[in-house]
Amino acid sequence: MTPDKNIVAKIQAYDRDLFIKWNGKDAYWELWRKKDGIYPQLITPVCPNIYEDNGKNYVFTPLDERILAWIYAADSHKTGNQKRMFDERFSGILKKKAKERASIMDDFKHRGRNDFAYLNDIPRNYKASRISNIRHVPKGPRG
């Protein structure tokens, strides 16, 4: 098979080292980059999984304008978009994990404060912020 000449021309206009190759064994398109003096490098198979989060791997997808948008979005050397794409996709997850971690640490601090107060017979109404040194902690009824 031969790729659409308009798409190939647009890809070549963006970066002359990129080219499209047909994988005859598995029947899908692949995006490759020419390297000087060594073998070409496979960038990605052109499959639904590069366009959709839950797309299938290694199935035929026709070449269209989406590959140009994907190349631009994934080209971190020219545009710096890879970091922005990562931030957009995973920033919510990272913030949620940080919030969960902070909640766990707060719970851990409160448990530690309560255990310390219990083990040292500190009355419940005594403010933990006043505890600065164990020697200055008032002794409870068992002390």
N, C-alpha and C. Protein backbone atom coordinates (compact mmCIF):
# COMPACT_ATOMS: atom_id res chain seq x y z
N MET A 1 0.84 -1.19 0.00
CA MET A 1 0.00 0.00 0.00
C MET A 1 0.88 1.24 0.00
N THR A 2 0.34 2.30 -0.53
CA THR A 2 1.04 3.58 -0.49
C THR A 2 0.22 4.58 0.31
N PRO A 3 0.87 5.36 1.14
CA PRO A 3 0.13 6.34 1.95
C PRO A 3 -0.38 7.50 1.10
N ASP A 4 -1.34 8.24 1.65
CA ASP A 4 -1.88 9.41 0.99
C ASP A 4 -0.76 10.44 0.80
N LYS A 5 -0.58 10.90 -0.44
CA LYS A 5 0.53 11.81 -0.75
C LYS A 5 0.39 13.15 -0.05
N ASN A 6 -0.83 13.62 0.16
CA ASN A 6 -1.02 14.90 0.85
C ASN A 6 -0.56 14.82 2.31
N ILE A 7 -0.90 13.73 2.96
CA ILE A 7 -0.49 13.54 4.36
C ILE A 7 1.03 13.42 4.44
N VAL A 8 1.61 12.64 3.53
CA VAL A 8 3.07 12.46 3.53
C VAL A 8 3.77 13.79 3.27
N ALA A 9 3.24 14.59 2.35
CA ALA A 9 3.84 15.90 2.05
C ALA A 9 3.78 16.81 3.28
N LYS A 10 2.68 16.78 4.02
CA LYS A 10 2.56 17.61 5.22
C LYS A 10 3.51 17.14 6.32
N ILE A 11 3.66 15.82 6.44
CA ILE A 11 4.61 15.27 7.43
C ILE A 11 6.03 15.67 7.06
N GLN A 12 6.37 15.56 5.77
CA GLN A 12 7.71 15.94 5.31
C GLN A 12 7.96 17.43 5.47
N ALA A 13 6.91 18.25 5.30
CA ALA A 13 7.06 19.69 5.49
C ALA A 13 7.33 20.02 6.96
N TYR A 14 6.74 19.24 7.87
CA TYR A 14 6.98 19.46 9.29
C TYR A 14 8.39 19.03 9.67
N ASP A 15 8.79 17.82 9.25
CA ASP A 15 10.12 17.30 9.56
C ASP A 15 10.52 16.36 8.42
N ARG A 16 11.58 16.70 7.72
CA ARG A 16 11.95 15.92 6.54
C ARG A 16 12.50 14.54 6.89
N ASP A 17 12.83 14.30 8.14
CA ASP A 17 13.33 12.98 8.55
C ASP A 17 12.21 11.99 8.88
N LEU A 18 10.98 12.44 8.96
CA LEU A 18 9.85 11.55 9.26
C LEU A 18 9.32 10.93 7.97
N PHE A 19 8.93 9.66 8.06
CA PHE A 19 8.28 9.02 6.92
C PHE A 19 7.31 7.95 7.40
N ILE A 20 6.38 7.60 6.52
CA ILE A 20 5.35 6.61 6.83
C ILE A 20 5.71 5.32 6.11
N LYS A 21 5.55 4.20 6.83
CA LYS A 21 5.87 2.90 6.26
C LYS A 21 4.72 1.94 6.56
N TRP A 22 4.42 1.07 5.62
CA TRP A 22 3.37 0.07 5.80
C TRP A 22 3.95 -1.18 6.43
N ASN A 23 3.33 -1.66 7.50
CA ASN A 23 3.73 -2.92 8.13
C ASN A 23 2.86 -4.00 7.48
N GLY A 24 3.44 -4.71 6.51
CA GLY A 24 2.68 -5.70 5.75
C GLY A 24 2.31 -6.93 6.57
N LYS A 25 3.11 -7.24 7.56
CA LYS A 25 2.83 -8.43 8.38
C LYS A 25 1.57 -8.25 9.21
N ASP A 26 1.45 -7.08 9.88
CA ASP A 26 0.31 -6.85 10.77
C ASP A 26 -0.73 -5.91 10.19
N ALA A 27 -0.47 -5.35 9.01
CA ALA A 27 -1.43 -4.52 8.25
C ALA A 27 -1.82 -3.23 8.97
N TYR A 28 -0.83 -2.39 9.26
CA TYR A 28 -1.09 -1.04 9.76
C TYR A 28 0.07 -0.14 9.37
N TRP A 29 -0.16 1.17 9.46
CA TRP A 29 0.87 2.16 9.14
C TRP A 29 1.77 2.38 10.34
N GLU A 30 3.02 2.77 10.07
CA GLU A 30 3.96 3.10 11.12
C GLU A 30 4.63 4.43 10.78
N LEU A 31 4.93 5.21 11.80
CA LEU A 31 5.67 6.46 11.64
C LEU A 31 7.12 6.21 12.03
N TRP A 32 8.05 6.54 11.13
CA TRP A 32 9.47 6.30 11.34
C TRP A 32 10.25 7.60 11.22
N ARG A 33 11.45 7.62 11.79
CA ARG A 33 12.38 8.75 11.66
C ARG A 33 13.70 8.23 11.09
N LYS A 34 14.20 8.93 10.07
CA LYS A 34 15.50 8.59 9.49
C LYS A 34 16.61 9.05 10.44
N LYS A 35 17.59 8.20 10.60
CA LYS A 35 18.75 8.55 11.42
C LYS A 35 19.99 8.51 10.54
N ASP A 36 20.91 9.44 10.76
CA ASP A 36 22.14 9.48 9.97
C ASP A 36 23.07 8.34 10.37
N GLY A 37 23.43 7.50 9.38
CA GLY A 37 24.42 6.47 9.60
C GLY A 37 23.93 5.23 10.32
N ILE A 38 22.69 5.23 10.84
CA ILE A 38 22.16 4.04 11.51
C ILE A 38 20.78 3.72 10.95
N TYR A 39 20.22 2.66 11.41
CA TYR A 39 18.90 2.25 10.93
C TYR A 39 17.83 3.25 11.35
N PRO A 40 16.73 3.32 10.58
CA PRO A 40 15.64 4.22 10.97
C PRO A 40 15.03 3.81 12.31
N GLN A 41 14.42 4.77 12.97
CA GLN A 41 13.85 4.55 14.30
C GLN A 41 12.33 4.57 14.19
N LEU A 42 11.68 3.54 14.75
CA LEU A 42 10.22 3.51 14.78
C LEU A 42 9.74 4.49 15.84
N ILE A 43 8.89 5.43 15.44
CA ILE A 43 8.33 6.39 16.38
C ILE A 43 7.07 5.81 17.02
N THR A 44 6.10 5.41 16.17
CA THR A 44 4.87 4.84 16.70
C THR A 44 4.11 4.13 15.60
N PRO A 45 3.39 3.07 15.93
CA PRO A 45 2.43 2.54 14.96
C PRO A 45 1.23 3.48 14.91
N VAL A 46 0.68 3.68 13.73
CA VAL A 46 -0.48 4.56 13.59
C VAL A 46 -1.72 3.71 13.86
N CYS A 47 -2.17 3.71 15.10
CA CYS A 47 -3.28 2.90 15.57
C CYS A 47 -4.22 3.79 16.39
N PRO A 48 -5.42 3.31 16.69
CA PRO A 48 -6.36 4.13 17.48
C PRO A 48 -5.84 4.52 18.86
N ASN A 49 -4.91 3.77 19.44
CA ASN A 49 -4.46 4.09 20.80
C ASN A 49 -3.65 5.38 20.88
N ILE A 50 -3.15 5.91 19.76
CA ILE A 50 -2.44 7.19 19.84
C ILE A 50 -3.42 8.36 19.78
N TYR A 51 -4.66 8.10 19.36
CA TYR A 51 -5.67 9.16 19.27
C TYR A 51 -6.64 9.13 20.44
N GLU A 52 -6.87 7.96 21.00
CA GLU A 52 -7.86 7.80 22.07
C GLU A 52 -7.20 7.09 23.24
N ASP A 53 -7.64 7.43 24.44
CA ASP A 53 -7.05 6.80 25.63
C ASP A 53 -7.33 5.31 25.71
N ASN A 54 -8.50 4.89 25.23
CA ASN A 54 -8.85 3.48 25.32
C ASN A 54 -8.88 2.82 23.95
N GLY A 55 -8.10 3.34 22.98
CA GLY A 55 -8.06 2.76 21.64
C GLY A 55 -7.29 1.46 21.62
N LYS A 56 -7.50 0.69 20.55
CA LYS A 56 -6.84 -0.61 20.43
C LYS A 56 -5.44 -0.45 19.87
N ASN A 57 -4.56 -1.35 20.23
CA ASN A 57 -3.19 -1.39 19.71
C ASN A 57 -3.12 -2.20 18.43
N TYR A 58 -2.28 -1.77 17.52
CA TYR A 58 -1.88 -2.55 16.36
C TYR A 58 -3.05 -3.03 15.50
N VAL A 59 -3.98 -2.14 15.21
CA VAL A 59 -5.04 -2.42 14.25
C VAL A 59 -5.01 -1.32 13.19
N PHE A 60 -5.52 -1.61 12.03
CA PHE A 60 -5.46 -0.66 10.93
C PHE A 60 -6.28 0.59 11.25
N THR A 61 -5.65 1.73 11.00
CA THR A 61 -6.30 3.04 11.10
C THR A 61 -5.88 3.83 9.86
N PRO A 62 -6.83 4.37 9.12
CA PRO A 62 -6.44 5.12 7.92
C PRO A 62 -5.66 6.38 8.29
N LEU A 63 -4.75 6.77 7.41
CA LEU A 63 -3.98 8.00 7.61
C LEU A 63 -4.88 9.19 7.35
N ASP A 64 -4.86 10.14 8.26
CA ASP A 64 -5.63 11.37 8.09
C ASP A 64 -4.92 12.50 8.84
N GLU A 65 -5.60 13.61 8.98
CA GLU A 65 -5.00 14.80 9.59
C GLU A 65 -4.66 14.60 11.07
N ARG A 66 -5.25 13.61 11.71
CA ARG A 66 -4.98 13.39 13.14
C ARG A 66 -3.52 13.05 13.39
N ILE A 67 -2.86 12.40 12.43
CA ILE A 67 -1.45 12.05 12.63
C ILE A 67 -0.60 13.32 12.72
N LEU A 68 -0.98 14.35 11.96
CA LEU A 68 -0.24 15.61 12.03
C LEU A 68 -0.40 16.26 13.40
N ALA A 69 -1.62 16.24 13.92
CA ALA A 69 -1.86 16.79 15.26
C ALA A 69 -1.09 15.99 16.30
N TRP A 70 -1.06 14.67 16.15
CA TRP A 70 -0.33 13.83 17.11
C TRP A 70 1.16 14.13 17.05
N ILE A 71 1.72 14.26 15.84
CA ILE A 71 3.15 14.54 15.69
C ILE A 71 3.48 15.87 16.38
N TYR A 72 2.66 16.88 16.15
CA TYR A 72 2.92 18.18 16.76
C TYR A 72 2.84 18.10 18.28
N ALA A 73 1.82 17.40 18.79
CA ALA A 73 1.65 17.31 20.24
C ALA A 73 2.75 16.49 20.90
N ALA A 74 3.27 15.48 20.19
CA ALA A 74 4.27 14.59 20.79
C ALA A 74 5.71 15.05 20.56
N ASP A 75 5.91 16.07 19.75
CA ASP A 75 7.27 16.49 19.41
C ASP A 75 7.79 17.45 20.47
N SER A 76 8.41 16.89 21.48
CA SER A 76 8.89 17.72 22.59
C SER A 76 10.14 18.50 22.22
N HIS A 77 10.88 18.05 21.23
CA HIS A 77 12.11 18.76 20.84
C HIS A 77 11.80 20.10 20.21
N LYS A 78 10.76 20.16 19.39
CA LYS A 78 10.45 21.40 18.69
C LYS A 78 9.48 22.29 19.46
N THR A 79 8.51 21.69 20.12
CA THR A 79 7.42 22.48 20.70
C THR A 79 7.38 22.50 22.21
N GLY A 80 7.99 21.52 22.87
CA GLY A 80 7.92 21.44 24.32
C GLY A 80 6.55 20.99 24.81
N ASN A 81 5.72 20.46 23.93
CA ASN A 81 4.35 20.09 24.28
C ASN A 81 4.25 18.82 25.10
N GLN A 82 5.27 18.00 25.12
CA GLN A 82 5.17 16.74 25.86
C GLN A 82 4.95 17.00 27.34
N LYS A 83 5.65 17.96 27.91
CA LYS A 83 5.47 18.27 29.32
C LYS A 83 4.07 18.83 29.55
N ARG A 84 3.62 19.71 28.67
CA ARG A 84 2.28 20.28 28.83
C ARG A 84 1.21 19.19 28.70
N MET A 85 1.41 18.25 27.75
CA MET A 85 0.45 17.17 27.58
C MET A 85 0.44 16.28 28.83
N PHE A 86 1.62 16.01 29.39
CA PHE A 86 1.69 15.21 30.61
C PHE A 86 0.98 15.94 31.75
N ASP A 87 1.24 17.24 31.89
CA ASP A 87 0.62 18.01 32.97
C ASP A 87 -0.89 18.02 32.84
N GLU A 88 -1.40 18.20 31.62
CA GLU A 88 -2.84 18.24 31.42
C GLU A 88 -3.47 16.89 31.73
N ARG A 89 -2.79 15.82 31.33
CA ARG A 89 -3.38 14.49 31.48
C ARG A 89 -3.28 13.98 32.91
N PHE A 90 -2.17 14.28 33.60
CA PHE A 90 -1.93 13.65 34.89
C PHE A 90 -1.93 14.62 36.08
N SER A 91 -2.11 15.90 35.85
CA SER A 91 -2.05 16.84 36.98
C SER A 91 -3.16 16.57 37.98
N GLY A 92 -4.36 16.24 37.52
CA GLY A 92 -5.45 15.93 38.43
C GLY A 92 -5.15 14.72 39.29
N ILE A 93 -4.56 13.71 38.68
CA ILE A 93 -4.21 12.49 39.41
C ILE A 93 -3.12 12.80 40.44
N LEU A 94 -2.11 13.59 40.03
CA LEU A 94 -1.03 13.91 40.95
C LEU A 94 -1.52 14.75 42.13
N LYS A 95 -2.43 15.70 41.85
CA LYS A 95 -2.99 16.52 42.94
C LYS A 95 -3.81 15.66 43.89
N LYS A 96 -4.57 14.72 43.34
CA LYS A 96 -5.38 13.83 44.19
C LYS A 96 -4.49 12.96 45.07
N LYS A 97 -3.41 12.42 44.50
CA LYS A 97 -2.48 11.61 45.29
C LYS A 97 -1.81 12.44 46.38
N ALA A 98 -1.44 13.69 46.07
CA ALA A 98 -0.81 14.56 47.07
C ALA A 98 -1.80 14.87 48.19
N LYS A 99 -3.06 15.09 47.84
CA LYS A 99 -4.08 15.37 48.86
C LYS A 99 -4.30 14.14 49.75
N GLU A 100 -4.34 12.95 49.14
CA GLU A 100 -4.48 11.72 49.93
C GLU A 100 -3.29 11.54 50.86
N ARG A 101 -2.10 11.82 50.35
CA ARG A 101 -0.89 11.68 51.15
C ARG A 101 -0.90 12.65 52.34
N ALA A 102 -1.34 13.90 52.07
CA ALA A 102 -1.42 14.88 53.15
C ALA A 102 -2.45 14.45 54.19
N SER A 103 -3.55 13.88 53.74
CA SER A 103 -4.57 13.41 54.66
C SER A 103 -4.04 12.27 55.54
N ILE A 104 -3.29 11.36 54.92
CA ILE A 104 -2.70 10.26 55.68
C ILE A 104 -1.71 10.79 56.71
N MET A 105 -0.89 11.77 56.32
CA MET A 105 0.09 12.34 57.24
C MET A 105 -0.61 13.07 58.39
N ASP A 106 -1.69 13.82 58.08
CA ASP A 106 -2.44 14.49 59.15
C ASP A 106 -3.01 13.47 60.11
N ASP A 107 -3.58 12.39 59.58
CA ASP A 107 -4.14 11.34 60.42
C ASP A 107 -3.03 10.72 61.27
N PHE A 108 -1.87 10.49 60.68
CA PHE A 108 -0.74 9.93 61.41
C PHE A 108 -0.30 10.87 62.54
N LYS A 109 -0.25 12.18 62.26
CA LYS A 109 0.15 13.15 63.29
C LYS A 109 -0.85 13.16 64.44
N HIS A 110 -2.15 13.13 64.11
CA HIS A 110 -3.16 13.14 65.16
C HIS A 110 -3.10 11.87 66.01
N ARG A 111 -2.88 10.73 65.35
CA ARG A 111 -2.75 9.49 66.11
C ARG A 111 -1.53 9.54 67.02
N GLY A 112 -0.43 10.05 66.49
CA GLY A 112 0.78 10.15 67.30
C GLY A 112 0.58 11.07 68.49
N ARG A 113 -0.09 12.20 68.26
CA ARG A 113 -0.36 13.15 69.33
C ARG A 113 -1.25 12.51 70.40
N ASN A 114 -2.29 11.78 69.96
CA ASN A 114 -3.19 11.14 70.91
C ASN A 114 -2.48 10.02 71.68
N ASP A 115 -1.65 9.23 70.98
CA ASP A 115 -0.91 8.16 71.67
C ASP A 115 0.06 8.74 72.69
N PHE A 116 0.74 9.83 72.30
CA PHE A 116 1.68 10.46 73.22
C PHE A 116 0.95 10.97 74.46
N ALA A 117 -0.20 11.59 74.23
CA ALA A 117 -0.98 12.11 75.36
C ALA A 117 -1.47 10.98 76.25
N TYR A 118 -1.91 9.89 75.66
CA TYR A 118 -2.41 8.76 76.44
C TYR A 118 -1.28 8.12 77.25
N LEU A 119 -0.14 7.89 76.61
CA LEU A 119 0.97 7.23 77.29
C LEU A 119 1.59 8.10 78.39
N ASN A 120 1.49 9.40 78.27
CA ASN A 120 2.07 10.30 79.25
C ASN A 120 1.02 10.92 80.17
N ASP A 121 -0.16 10.36 80.15
CA ASP A 121 -1.26 10.80 81.03
C ASP A 121 -1.53 12.30 80.93
N ILE A 122 -1.57 12.81 79.74
CA ILE A 122 -1.88 14.22 79.54
C ILE A 122 -3.40 14.33 79.40
N PRO A 123 -4.02 15.23 80.16
CA PRO A 123 -5.47 15.36 80.07
C PRO A 123 -5.89 15.76 78.66
N ARG A 124 -7.10 15.37 78.26
CA ARG A 124 -7.59 15.63 76.91
C ARG A 124 -7.70 17.12 76.61
N ASN A 125 -7.99 17.94 77.61
CA ASN A 125 -8.18 19.36 77.36
C ASN A 125 -6.86 20.13 77.33
N TYR A 126 -5.75 19.46 77.60
CA TYR A 126 -4.44 20.10 77.55
C TYR A 126 -4.03 20.23 76.09
N LYS A 127 -3.65 21.43 75.65
CA LYS A 127 -3.33 21.65 74.25
C LYS A 127 -1.98 21.03 73.91
N ALA A 128 -1.98 20.27 72.82
CA ALA A 128 -0.76 19.58 72.42
C ALA A 128 0.31 20.57 71.96
N SER A 129 -0.08 21.75 71.54
CA SER A 129 0.91 22.72 71.09
C SER A 129 1.77 23.21 72.24
N ARG A 130 1.32 23.03 73.49
CA ARG A 130 2.10 23.45 74.65
C ARG A 130 3.17 22.42 75.00
N ILE A 131 3.07 21.23 74.41
CA ILE A 131 4.04 20.19 74.71
C ILE A 131 5.29 20.46 73.90
N SER A 132 6.33 20.95 74.55
CA SER A 132 7.57 21.24 73.83
C SER A 132 8.70 20.31 74.26
N ASN A 133 8.60 19.82 75.47
CA ASN A 133 9.67 18.96 75.96
C ASN A 133 9.04 17.99 76.94
N ILE A 134 9.45 16.76 76.90
CA ILE A 134 8.84 15.74 77.76
C ILE A 134 9.04 16.06 79.23
N ARG A 135 10.16 16.68 79.61
CA ARG A 135 10.42 16.99 81.01
C ARG A 135 9.42 17.98 81.57
N HIS A 136 8.85 18.81 80.71
CA HIS A 136 7.91 19.84 81.17
C HIS A 136 6.46 19.42 81.11
N VAL A 137 6.22 18.17 80.72
CA VAL A 137 4.84 17.69 80.61
C VAL A 137 4.31 17.42 82.01
N PRO A 138 3.15 17.98 82.33
CA PRO A 138 2.60 17.72 83.68
C PRO A 138 2.26 16.25 83.86
N LYS A 139 2.54 15.74 85.03
CA LYS A 139 2.27 14.33 85.32
C LYS A 139 0.79 14.17 85.65
N GLY A 140 0.25 13.06 85.19
CA GLY A 140 -1.15 12.76 85.43
C GLY A 140 -1.34 12.03 86.75
N PRO A 141 -2.52 11.46 86.96
CA PRO A 141 -2.81 10.79 88.24
C PRO A 141 -1.93 9.56 88.48
N ARG A 142 -1.38 8.94 87.44
CA ARG A 142 -0.55 7.76 87.66
C ARG A 142 0.91 8.14 87.88
N GLY A 143 1.26 9.40 87.69
CA GLY A 143 2.64 9.82 87.74
C GLY A 143 3.20 9.92 89.07
